[in-house]
Amino acid sequence: MTNPLQFIQQVRAEVSKVTWPTRREVLLTTGMVFVLAALTALFFSLIDLGIRSGLAVVLGLFG
C-alpha cells in the first residue's frame, strides 16, 4: 500500500506525461462533433419520416 504522499507524487508524474490538446484542436474536434451530431439527427429524422409515411400508406390501404 502506498502512502498518500507517494500517491500524489506518482499522480503528478503521470499527469506531466500527458500530451494536452491545443486550443485549436479542441475547437476543431468540438465543431466536428456538433456537425456529425446534426447530420446523424437529420439522417434519423428522414428515416423516421420515411417509416411513418410508409406505415400511413400501408395502414390507409387496410383501414
C-alpha atoms as a PDB file:
ATOM      1  CA  MET A   1       0.000   0.000   0.000  1.00  0.00           C
ATOM      2  CA  THR A   2       1.411   3.402  -0.981  1.00  0.00           C
ATOM      3  CA  ASN A   3       1.234   6.271   1.409  1.00  0.00           C
ATOM      4  CA  PRO A   4      -0.768   9.355   0.325  1.00  0.00           C
ATOM      5  CA  LEU A   5       2.317  11.491  -0.324  1.00  0.00           C
ATOM      6  CA  GLN A   6       3.818   8.911  -2.692  1.00  0.00           C
ATOM      7  CA  PHE A   7       0.467   8.520  -4.407  1.00  0.00           C
ATOM      8  CA  ILE A   8       0.210  12.269  -5.070  1.00  0.00           C
ATOM      9  CA  GLN A   9       3.790  12.325  -6.381  1.00  0.00           C
ATOM     10  CA  GLN A  10       3.025   9.422  -8.726  1.00  0.00           C
ATOM     11  CA  VAL A  11      -0.140  11.113  -9.960  1.00  0.00           C
ATOM     12  CA  ARG A  12       1.775  14.329 -10.677  1.00  0.00           C
ATOM     13  CA  ALA A  13       4.454  12.362 -12.529  1.00  0.00           C
ATOM     14  CA  GLU A  14       1.834  10.637 -14.703  1.00  0.00           C
ATOM     15  CA  VAL A  15      -0.111  13.844 -15.397  1.00  0.00           C
ATOM     16  CA  SER A  16       3.086  15.559 -16.521  1.00  0.00           C
ATOM     17  CA  LYS A  17       3.446  12.862 -19.224  1.00  0.00           C
ATOM     18  CA  VAL A  18       0.036  13.693 -20.723  1.00  0.00           C
ATOM     19  CA  THR A  19       0.057  15.500 -24.061  1.00  0.00           C
ATOM     20  CA  TRP A  20      -2.742  18.043 -23.770  1.00  0.00           C
ATOM     21  CA  PRO A  21      -4.542  19.188 -26.946  1.00  0.00           C
ATOM     22  CA  THR A  22      -4.106  22.731 -28.171  1.00  0.00           C
ATOM     23  CA  ARG A  23      -6.989  25.202 -28.129  1.00  0.00           C
ATOM     24  CA  ARG A  24      -7.291  24.885 -31.911  1.00  0.00           C
ATOM     25  CA  GLU A  25      -7.520  21.080 -31.699  1.00  0.00           C
ATOM     26  CA  VAL A  26     -10.217  21.281 -29.027  1.00  0.00           C
ATOM     27  CA  LEU A  27     -12.278  23.769 -31.043  1.00  0.00           C
ATOM     28  CA  LEU A  28     -11.874  21.751 -34.248  1.00  0.00           C
ATOM     29  CA  THR A  29     -12.898  18.444 -32.700  1.00  0.00           C
ATOM     30  CA  THR A  30     -15.797  20.084 -30.838  1.00  0.00           C
ATOM     31  CA  GLY A  31     -17.035  21.546 -34.124  1.00  0.00           C
ATOM     32  CA  MET A  32     -16.743  18.161 -35.796  1.00  0.00           C
ATOM     33  CA  VAL A  33     -18.777  16.548 -33.018  1.00  0.00           C
ATOM     34  CA  PHE A  34     -21.563  19.139 -33.425  1.00  0.00           C
ATOM     35  CA  VAL A  35     -21.622  18.721 -37.218  1.00  0.00           C
ATOM     36  CA  LEU A  36     -21.708  14.927 -37.025  1.00  0.00           C
ATOM     37  CA  ALA A  37     -24.423  15.038 -34.339  1.00  0.00           C
ATOM     38  CA  ALA A  38     -26.521  17.312 -36.569  1.00  0.00           C
ATOM     39  CA  LEU A  39     -26.012  15.039 -39.594  1.00  0.00           C
ATOM     40  CA  THR A  40     -26.940  11.982 -37.535  1.00  0.00           C
ATOM     41  CA  ALA A  41     -30.078  13.709 -36.238  1.00  0.00           C
ATOM     42  CA  LEU A  42     -31.039  14.669 -39.796  1.00  0.00           C
ATOM     43  CA  PHE A  43     -30.430  11.128 -41.041  1.00  0.00           C
ATOM     44  CA  PHE A  44     -32.584   9.516 -38.357  1.00  0.00           C
ATOM     45  CA  SER A  45     -35.301  12.151 -38.801  1.00  0.00           C
ATOM     46  CA  LEU A  46     -35.503  11.291 -42.500  1.00  0.00           C
ATOM     47  CA  ILE A  47     -35.577   7.564 -41.728  1.00  0.00           C
ATOM     48  CA  ASP A  48     -38.350   8.156 -39.185  1.00  0.00           C
ATOM     49  CA  LEU A  49     -40.326  10.240 -41.673  1.00  0.00           C
ATOM     50  CA  GLY A  50     -39.978   7.513 -44.300  1.00  0.00           C
ATOM     51  CA  ILE A  51     -41.107   4.762 -41.953  1.00  0.00           C
ATOM     52  CA  ARG A  52     -44.013   6.882 -40.689  1.00  0.00           C
ATOM     53  CA  SER A  53     -45.134   7.681 -44.241  1.00  0.00           C
ATOM     54  CA  GLY A  54     -44.807   4.042 -45.279  1.00  0.00           C
ATOM     55  CA  LEU A  55     -46.876   2.885 -42.334  1.00  0.00           C
ATOM     56  CA  ALA A  56     -49.513   5.516 -43.047  1.00  0.00           C
ATOM     57  CA  VAL A  57     -49.813   4.226 -46.626  1.00  0.00           C
ATOM     58  CA  VAL A  58     -49.985   0.581 -45.521  1.00  0.00           C
ATOM     59  CA  LEU A  59     -52.489   1.278 -42.758  1.00  0.00           C
ATOM     60  CA  GLY A  60     -54.501   3.518 -45.096  1.00  0.00           C
ATOM     61  CA  LEU A  61     -54.871   0.643 -47.555  1.00  0.00           C
ATOM     62  CA  PHE A  62     -56.193  -1.725 -44.914  1.00  0.00           C
ATOM     63  CA  GLY A  63     -58.067   0.774 -42.758  1.00  0.00           C
END
